[in-house]
Amino acid sequence: MDINHIAKLARLGLSEKEKEKLEKELPSILKFVDKLNEVKADKIDPTTQVTGLENVVRKDKARVKSKQETEKLLKLVPNIKDRHVKVKAIL
């Protein structure tokens, strides 16, 4: 197995030390995956939720604010540009 190829496919930046470690561990990982493939699970229904909990959501309703309410809220924001809240980029 070529660790560099796998790391590239997974978009992982690995150090030389990490590559050496993974080269040693990869055969045992693949052996374990092969063992899992031996399990007969074709008659078992897929399970997505085992606790019975359900996600409860409400309808998302927009509320129109008056100009005074909007101005009051904008005064609380530290960074504004063209009446929009300016935030740092996250990506």
N, C-alpha and C. Protein backbone atom coordinates (compact mmCIF):
# COMPACT_ATOMS: atom_id res chain seq x y z
N MET A 1 0.84 -1.19 0.00
CA MET A 1 0.00 0.00 0.00
C MET A 1 0.88 1.24 0.00
N ASP A 2 0.49 2.20 -0.77
CA ASP A 2 1.25 3.45 -0.83
C ASP A 2 0.59 4.47 0.10
N ILE A 3 1.23 4.73 1.21
CA ILE A 3 0.70 5.65 2.22
C ILE A 3 0.53 7.05 1.62
N ASN A 4 1.45 7.48 0.79
CA ASN A 4 1.34 8.81 0.18
C ASN A 4 0.07 8.92 -0.66
N HIS A 5 -0.25 7.87 -1.41
CA HIS A 5 -1.45 7.88 -2.25
C HIS A 5 -2.72 7.92 -1.40
N ILE A 6 -2.75 7.11 -0.35
CA ILE A 6 -3.91 7.09 0.54
C ILE A 6 -4.07 8.43 1.24
N ALA A 7 -2.97 9.00 1.71
CA ALA A 7 -3.02 10.30 2.38
C ALA A 7 -3.53 11.38 1.43
N LYS A 8 -3.10 11.31 0.18
CA LYS A 8 -3.55 12.29 -0.81
C LYS A 8 -5.04 12.15 -1.06
N LEU A 9 -5.53 10.91 -1.20
CA LEU A 9 -6.96 10.68 -1.42
C LEU A 9 -7.80 11.18 -0.25
N ALA A 10 -7.28 11.00 0.96
CA ALA A 10 -7.99 11.42 2.16
C ALA A 10 -7.71 12.88 2.52
N ARG A 11 -6.85 13.53 1.71
CA ARG A 11 -6.45 14.91 1.93
C ARG A 11 -5.88 15.12 3.33
N LEU A 12 -4.97 14.22 3.68
CA LEU A 12 -4.29 14.29 4.97
C LEU A 12 -2.86 14.76 4.77
N GLY A 13 -2.45 15.69 5.57
CA GLY A 13 -1.06 16.11 5.57
C GLY A 13 -0.33 15.32 6.64
N LEU A 14 0.50 14.38 6.24
CA LEU A 14 1.18 13.53 7.21
C LEU A 14 2.67 13.83 7.25
N SER A 15 3.21 13.81 8.46
CA SER A 15 4.66 13.96 8.61
C SER A 15 5.32 12.62 8.26
N GLU A 16 6.62 12.63 8.09
CA GLU A 16 7.34 11.39 7.78
C GLU A 16 7.18 10.38 8.91
N LYS A 17 7.17 10.86 10.14
CA LYS A 17 7.02 9.98 11.29
C LYS A 17 5.63 9.32 11.28
N GLU A 18 4.60 10.10 10.94
CA GLU A 18 3.25 9.55 10.87
C GLU A 18 3.13 8.54 9.73
N LYS A 19 3.78 8.83 8.61
CA LYS A 19 3.75 7.89 7.48
C LYS A 19 4.38 6.56 7.85
N GLU A 20 5.51 6.62 8.54
CA GLU A 20 6.19 5.39 8.96
C GLU A 20 5.30 4.57 9.90
N LYS A 21 4.66 5.26 10.83
CA LYS A 21 3.78 4.58 11.78
C LYS A 21 2.61 3.93 11.05
N LEU A 22 2.00 4.66 10.11
CA LEU A 22 0.85 4.12 9.39
C LEU A 22 1.24 2.97 8.47
N GLU A 23 2.43 3.01 7.90
CA GLU A 23 2.89 1.90 7.06
C GLU A 23 2.96 0.61 7.87
N LYS A 24 3.31 0.74 9.13
CA LYS A 24 3.38 -0.45 10.00
C LYS A 24 1.98 -0.90 10.42
N GLU A 25 1.07 0.05 10.66
CA GLU A 25 -0.26 -0.27 11.18
C GLU A 25 -1.27 -0.65 10.09
N LEU A 26 -1.07 -0.16 8.88
CA LEU A 26 -2.06 -0.35 7.83
C LEU A 26 -2.38 -1.82 7.54
N PRO A 27 -1.42 -2.72 7.46
CA PRO A 27 -1.78 -4.12 7.21
C PRO A 27 -2.73 -4.70 8.26
N SER A 28 -2.51 -4.38 9.53
CA SER A 28 -3.41 -4.90 10.57
C SER A 28 -4.79 -4.26 10.49
N ILE A 29 -4.85 -3.00 10.10
CA ILE A 29 -6.14 -2.32 9.93
C ILE A 29 -6.91 -2.98 8.80
N LEU A 30 -6.25 -3.22 7.67
CA LEU A 30 -6.91 -3.85 6.53
C LEU A 30 -7.34 -5.29 6.85
N LYS A 31 -6.53 -5.99 7.64
CA LYS A 31 -6.87 -7.35 8.06
C LYS A 31 -8.15 -7.33 8.90
N PHE A 32 -8.27 -6.34 9.79
CA PHE A 32 -9.46 -6.20 10.62
C PHE A 32 -10.68 -5.90 9.76
N VAL A 33 -10.54 -5.02 8.78
CA VAL A 33 -11.66 -4.70 7.88
C VAL A 33 -12.09 -5.94 7.11
N ASP A 34 -11.14 -6.74 6.66
CA ASP A 34 -11.49 -8.00 5.99
C ASP A 34 -12.27 -8.92 6.91
N LYS A 35 -11.89 -8.94 8.17
CA LYS A 35 -12.61 -9.77 9.14
C LYS A 35 -14.05 -9.26 9.31
N LEU A 36 -14.23 -7.95 9.33
CA LEU A 36 -15.58 -7.40 9.42
C LEU A 36 -16.42 -7.75 8.21
N ASN A 37 -15.80 -7.85 7.04
CA ASN A 37 -16.53 -8.21 5.82
C ASN A 37 -17.05 -9.64 5.87
N GLU A 38 -16.51 -10.48 6.75
CA GLU A 38 -16.97 -11.85 6.88
C GLU A 38 -18.30 -11.95 7.63
N VAL A 39 -18.67 -10.91 8.37
CA VAL A 39 -19.91 -10.92 9.15
C VAL A 39 -21.10 -10.94 8.22
N LYS A 40 -22.01 -11.87 8.46
CA LYS A 40 -23.23 -11.98 7.66
C LYS A 40 -24.26 -10.99 8.20
N ALA A 41 -24.44 -9.89 7.51
CA ALA A 41 -25.36 -8.86 7.98
C ALA A 41 -26.42 -8.54 6.94
N ASP A 42 -26.55 -9.40 5.91
CA ASP A 42 -27.49 -9.11 4.83
C ASP A 42 -28.95 -9.17 5.27
N LYS A 43 -29.26 -9.88 6.36
CA LYS A 43 -30.65 -9.98 6.83
C LYS A 43 -30.96 -9.03 7.97
N ILE A 44 -30.02 -8.16 8.27
CA ILE A 44 -30.20 -7.19 9.36
C ILE A 44 -30.57 -5.84 8.76
N ASP A 45 -31.66 -5.28 9.27
CA ASP A 45 -32.10 -3.97 8.78
C ASP A 45 -31.12 -2.90 9.24
N PRO A 46 -30.86 -1.92 8.38
CA PRO A 46 -29.99 -0.81 8.79
C PRO A 46 -30.60 -0.06 9.98
N THR A 47 -29.76 0.33 10.89
CA THR A 47 -30.22 1.04 12.09
C THR A 47 -29.65 2.45 12.07
N THR A 48 -30.53 3.43 12.20
CA THR A 48 -30.06 4.80 12.27
C THR A 48 -30.29 5.41 13.64
N GLN A 49 -31.28 4.88 14.39
CA GLN A 49 -31.62 5.44 15.69
C GLN A 49 -32.04 4.29 16.59
N VAL A 50 -31.33 4.08 17.68
CA VAL A 50 -31.63 2.95 18.55
C VAL A 50 -32.28 3.36 19.87
N THR A 51 -32.28 4.64 20.19
CA THR A 51 -32.82 5.06 21.48
C THR A 51 -34.29 5.41 21.43
N GLY A 52 -34.85 5.59 20.24
CA GLY A 52 -36.25 5.97 20.12
C GLY A 52 -36.48 7.47 20.21
N LEU A 53 -35.40 8.23 20.39
CA LEU A 53 -35.55 9.68 20.46
C LEU A 53 -35.87 10.25 19.08
N GLU A 54 -36.68 11.28 19.07
CA GLU A 54 -37.01 11.94 17.81
C GLU A 54 -36.59 13.39 17.90
N ASN A 55 -36.16 13.92 16.79
CA ASN A 55 -35.78 15.32 16.73
C ASN A 55 -37.06 16.16 16.60
N VAL A 56 -37.29 17.03 17.55
CA VAL A 56 -38.47 17.88 17.54
C VAL A 56 -38.06 19.25 17.03
N VAL A 57 -38.68 19.67 15.96
CA VAL A 57 -38.34 20.96 15.38
C VAL A 57 -39.60 21.81 15.26
N ARG A 58 -39.39 23.08 15.18
CA ARG A 58 -40.51 23.99 14.98
C ARG A 58 -40.36 24.64 13.61
N LYS A 59 -41.42 25.19 13.13
CA LYS A 59 -41.36 25.90 11.86
C LYS A 59 -40.53 27.16 12.03
N ASP A 60 -39.73 27.44 11.05
CA ASP A 60 -38.89 28.62 11.07
C ASP A 60 -39.69 29.77 10.45
N LYS A 61 -40.14 30.68 11.31
CA LYS A 61 -40.95 31.79 10.83
C LYS A 61 -40.19 33.10 10.99
N ALA A 62 -40.14 33.86 9.93
CA ALA A 62 -39.50 35.17 10.00
C ALA A 62 -40.46 36.15 10.66
N ARG A 63 -39.88 37.06 11.44
CA ARG A 63 -40.70 38.10 12.07
C ARG A 63 -40.21 39.44 11.56
N VAL A 64 -41.10 40.22 11.01
CA VAL A 64 -40.73 41.54 10.50
C VAL A 64 -40.53 42.48 11.68
N LYS A 65 -39.38 43.13 11.71
CA LYS A 65 -39.08 44.08 12.78
C LYS A 65 -39.28 45.50 12.28
N SER A 66 -39.65 46.35 13.20
CA SER A 66 -39.81 47.75 12.85
C SER A 66 -38.43 48.37 12.64
N LYS A 67 -38.41 49.53 12.01
CA LYS A 67 -37.13 50.22 11.76
C LYS A 67 -36.45 50.55 13.08
N GLN A 68 -37.23 50.93 14.10
CA GLN A 68 -36.66 51.26 15.40
C GLN A 68 -35.99 50.03 16.03
N GLU A 69 -36.66 48.87 15.93
CA GLU A 69 -36.08 47.65 16.49
C GLU A 69 -34.77 47.29 15.77
N THR A 70 -34.78 47.42 14.46
CA THR A 70 -33.60 47.12 13.67
C THR A 70 -32.45 48.04 14.05
N GLU A 71 -32.71 49.32 14.15
CA GLU A 71 -31.67 50.29 14.53
C GLU A 71 -31.12 49.99 15.92
N LYS A 72 -32.00 49.63 16.83
CA LYS A 72 -31.59 49.32 18.19
C LYS A 72 -30.66 48.10 18.20
N LEU A 73 -31.00 47.07 17.42
CA LEU A 73 -30.17 45.87 17.34
C LEU A 73 -28.83 46.16 16.68
N LEU A 74 -28.83 46.96 15.61
CA LEU A 74 -27.59 47.28 14.90
C LEU A 74 -26.62 48.08 15.77
N LYS A 75 -27.15 48.85 16.73
CA LYS A 75 -26.28 49.61 17.63
C LYS A 75 -25.51 48.70 18.58
N LEU A 76 -26.01 47.47 18.78
CA LEU A 76 -25.35 46.53 19.68
C LEU A 76 -24.22 45.75 19.00
N VAL A 77 -24.16 45.82 17.68
CA VAL A 77 -23.19 45.05 16.91
C VAL A 77 -21.90 45.84 16.76
N PRO A 78 -20.73 45.19 17.00
CA PRO A 78 -19.46 45.91 16.91
C PRO A 78 -19.02 46.28 15.50
N ASN A 79 -19.40 45.49 14.49
CA ASN A 79 -18.94 45.72 13.12
C ASN A 79 -20.12 45.70 12.16
N ILE A 80 -20.36 46.82 11.50
CA ILE A 80 -21.48 46.93 10.56
C ILE A 80 -20.97 47.51 9.25
N LYS A 81 -21.48 46.97 8.14
CA LYS A 81 -21.17 47.52 6.83
C LYS A 81 -22.45 47.52 6.01
N ASP A 82 -22.87 48.69 5.55
CA ASP A 82 -24.09 48.84 4.75
C ASP A 82 -25.30 48.18 5.43
N ARG A 83 -25.46 48.45 6.71
CA ARG A 83 -26.58 47.94 7.51
C ARG A 83 -26.60 46.42 7.61
N HIS A 84 -25.45 45.78 7.41
CA HIS A 84 -25.32 44.34 7.59
C HIS A 84 -24.27 44.08 8.67
N VAL A 85 -24.47 43.02 9.42
CA VAL A 85 -23.52 42.65 10.46
C VAL A 85 -22.30 42.06 9.76
N LYS A 86 -21.12 42.60 10.06
CA LYS A 86 -19.88 42.13 9.45
C LYS A 86 -19.19 41.19 10.43
N VAL A 87 -18.86 39.98 9.95
CA VAL A 87 -18.19 38.98 10.78
C VAL A 87 -16.94 38.50 10.08
N LYS A 88 -16.04 37.87 10.84
CA LYS A 88 -14.82 37.32 10.26
C LYS A 88 -15.18 36.11 9.41
N ALA A 89 -14.38 35.90 8.37
CA ALA A 89 -14.57 34.73 7.51
C ALA A 89 -14.29 33.47 8.31
N ILE A 90 -15.07 32.43 8.06
CA ILE A 90 -14.87 31.18 8.81
C ILE A 90 -14.21 30.11 7.97
N LEU A 91 -14.06 30.34 6.69
CA LEU A 91 -13.40 29.35 5.83
C LEU A 91 -12.16 29.93 5.21
